[in-house]
Amino acid sequence: MGFNASHSMCLLFFGLTYIYLALAHSEVLFQSLFLPILGFSMLAGYIILAWRYWFFWPLAAISVSLVLFLSSMAVAWSRPIIALT
């Protein structure tokens, strides 16, 4: 139970942090080079862990998350930044 709960909490924290940055501070997230690389690295690491040690559904969910993350970065970098204030 502890292993599953800790990994689930980390994934939720990761997702909520990036959602908050995208909605409240989009200029910080999309103008930074570090944050997208960090997000990609974390999701890629989780995909490797899921592929090696976990079941199919965590792998599928994290793979979808990575595709959506990369898509959002591509869309954001192809447009001018508009703040939601």
C-alpha atoms as a PDB file:
ATOM      1  CA  MET A   1       0.000   0.000   0.000  1.00  0.00           C
ATOM      2  CA  GLY A   2       2.768   2.487   0.890  1.00  0.00           C
ATOM      3  CA  PHE A   3       4.583   2.084  -2.434  1.00  0.00           C
ATOM      4  CA  ASN A   4       1.423   2.585  -4.468  1.00  0.00           C
ATOM      5  CA  ALA A   5       0.277   5.536  -2.373  1.00  0.00           C
ATOM      6  CA  SER A   6       3.652   7.300  -2.556  1.00  0.00           C
ATOM      7  CA  HIS A   7       3.915   6.961  -6.324  1.00  0.00           C
ATOM      8  CA  SER A   8       0.305   8.017  -6.813  1.00  0.00           C
ATOM      9  CA  MET A   9       0.841  11.074  -4.624  1.00  0.00           C
ATOM     10  CA  CYS A  10       3.933  12.036  -6.596  1.00  0.00           C
ATOM     11  CA  LEU A  11       2.117  11.750  -9.922  1.00  0.00           C
ATOM     12  CA  LEU A  12      -0.806  13.787  -8.598  1.00  0.00           C
ATOM     13  CA  PHE A  13       1.551  16.437  -7.232  1.00  0.00           C
ATOM     14  CA  PHE A  14       3.373  16.586 -10.559  1.00  0.00           C
ATOM     15  CA  GLY A  15       0.149  16.925 -12.531  1.00  0.00           C
ATOM     16  CA  LEU A  16      -1.411  19.516 -10.235  1.00  0.00           C
ATOM     17  CA  THR A  17       1.785  21.595 -10.185  1.00  0.00           C
ATOM     18  CA  TYR A  18       1.984  21.735 -13.966  1.00  0.00           C
ATOM     19  CA  ILE A  19      -1.757  22.426 -14.302  1.00  0.00           C
ATOM     20  CA  TYR A  20      -1.413  25.302 -11.849  1.00  0.00           C
ATOM     21  CA  LEU A  21       1.600  26.692 -13.697  1.00  0.00           C
ATOM     22  CA  ALA A  22      -0.171  26.391 -17.056  1.00  0.00           C
ATOM     23  CA  LEU A  23      -3.299  28.175 -15.841  1.00  0.00           C
ATOM     24  CA  ALA A  24      -1.998  30.730 -13.338  1.00  0.00           C
ATOM     25  CA  HIS A  25       1.559  31.386 -14.495  1.00  0.00           C
ATOM     26  CA  SER A  26       1.700  30.322 -18.119  1.00  0.00           C
ATOM     27  CA  GLU A  27       4.468  32.757 -18.955  1.00  0.00           C
ATOM     28  CA  VAL A  28       6.724  31.149 -16.330  1.00  0.00           C
ATOM     29  CA  LEU A  29       6.059  27.628 -17.574  1.00  0.00           C
ATOM     30  CA  PHE A  30       6.173  28.239 -21.302  1.00  0.00           C
ATOM     31  CA  GLN A  31       9.096  30.679 -21.366  1.00  0.00           C
ATOM     32  CA  SER A  32      11.271  28.481 -19.179  1.00  0.00           C
ATOM     33  CA  LEU A  33      13.512  25.873 -20.733  1.00  0.00           C
ATOM     34  CA  PHE A  34      14.093  24.057 -17.435  1.00  0.00           C
ATOM     35  CA  LEU A  35      10.458  23.292 -16.501  1.00  0.00           C
ATOM     36  CA  PRO A  36       9.461  21.563 -19.766  1.00  0.00           C
ATOM     37  CA  ILE A  37      12.677  19.516 -19.722  1.00  0.00           C
ATOM     38  CA  LEU A  38      12.020  18.585 -16.098  1.00  0.00           C
ATOM     39  CA  GLY A  39       8.423  17.594 -16.904  1.00  0.00           C
ATOM     40  CA  PHE A  40       9.462  15.526 -19.903  1.00  0.00           C
ATOM     41  CA  SER A  41      12.236  13.827 -17.920  1.00  0.00           C
ATOM     42  CA  MET A  42       9.907  12.945 -15.074  1.00  0.00           C
ATOM     43  CA  LEU A  43       7.217  11.514 -17.353  1.00  0.00           C
ATOM     44  CA  ALA A  44       9.804   9.606 -19.407  1.00  0.00           C
ATOM     45  CA  GLY A  45      11.241   8.172 -16.197  1.00  0.00           C
ATOM     46  CA  TYR A  46       7.793   7.078 -15.066  1.00  0.00           C
ATOM     47  CA  ILE A  47       7.190   5.439 -18.446  1.00  0.00           C
ATOM     48  CA  ILE A  48      10.392   3.434 -18.060  1.00  0.00           C
ATOM     49  CA  LEU A  49       9.384   2.415 -14.530  1.00  0.00           C
ATOM     50  CA  ALA A  50       5.859   1.517 -15.640  1.00  0.00           C
ATOM     51  CA  TRP A  51       7.093  -0.480 -18.613  1.00  0.00           C
ATOM     52  CA  ARG A  52       9.605  -2.372 -16.495  1.00  0.00           C
ATOM     53  CA  TYR A  53       7.814  -2.896 -13.172  1.00  0.00           C
ATOM     54  CA  TRP A  54       4.154  -1.879 -13.280  1.00  0.00           C
ATOM     55  CA  PHE A  55       1.011  -3.069 -15.008  1.00  0.00           C
ATOM     56  CA  PHE A  56      -0.473  -2.055 -18.350  1.00  0.00           C
ATOM     57  CA  TRP A  57      -2.895   0.633 -17.144  1.00  0.00           C
ATOM     58  CA  PRO A  58      -0.329   2.810 -15.354  1.00  0.00           C
ATOM     59  CA  LEU A  59       1.860   2.582 -18.455  1.00  0.00           C
ATOM     60  CA  ALA A  60      -1.055   3.568 -20.710  1.00  0.00           C
ATOM     61  CA  ALA A  61      -2.074   6.493 -18.492  1.00  0.00           C
ATOM     62  CA  ILE A  62       1.450   7.875 -18.194  1.00  0.00           C
ATOM     63  CA  SER A  63       1.994   7.451 -21.943  1.00  0.00           C
ATOM     64  CA  VAL A  64      -1.147   9.472 -22.641  1.00  0.00           C
ATOM     65  CA  SER A  65       0.092  12.078 -20.144  1.00  0.00           C
ATOM     66  CA  LEU A  66       3.416  12.341 -21.965  1.00  0.00           C
ATOM     67  CA  VAL A  67       1.728  12.740 -25.362  1.00  0.00           C
ATOM     68  CA  LEU A  68      -0.577  15.457 -23.974  1.00  0.00           C
ATOM     69  CA  PHE A  69       2.336  17.184 -22.236  1.00  0.00           C
ATOM     70  CA  LEU A  70       4.398  17.276 -25.429  1.00  0.00           C
ATOM     71  CA  SER A  71       1.367  18.423 -27.433  1.00  0.00           C
ATOM     72  CA  SER A  72       0.683  21.276 -25.041  1.00  0.00           C
ATOM     73  CA  MET A  73       4.310  22.375 -25.177  1.00  0.00           C
ATOM     74  CA  ALA A  74       4.278  22.302 -28.978  1.00  0.00           C
ATOM     75  CA  VAL A  75       1.074  24.363 -29.124  1.00  0.00           C
ATOM     76  CA  ALA A  76       2.338  26.831 -26.517  1.00  0.00           C
ATOM     77  CA  TRP A  77       5.670  27.344 -28.263  1.00  0.00           C
ATOM     78  CA  SER A  78       3.973  27.886 -31.629  1.00  0.00           C
ATOM     79  CA  ARG A  79       1.783  30.757 -30.330  1.00  0.00           C
ATOM     80  CA  PRO A  80       2.374  34.013 -28.484  1.00  0.00           C
ATOM     81  CA  ILE A  81       1.736  33.769 -24.740  1.00  0.00           C
ATOM     82  CA  ILE A  82      -1.598  35.114 -23.505  1.00  0.00           C
ATOM     83  CA  ALA A  83      -1.924  35.554 -19.745  1.00  0.00           C
ATOM     84  CA  LEU A  84      -5.194  34.467 -18.127  1.00  0.00           C
ATOM     85  CA  THR A  85      -5.477  37.421 -15.767  1.00  0.00           C
END
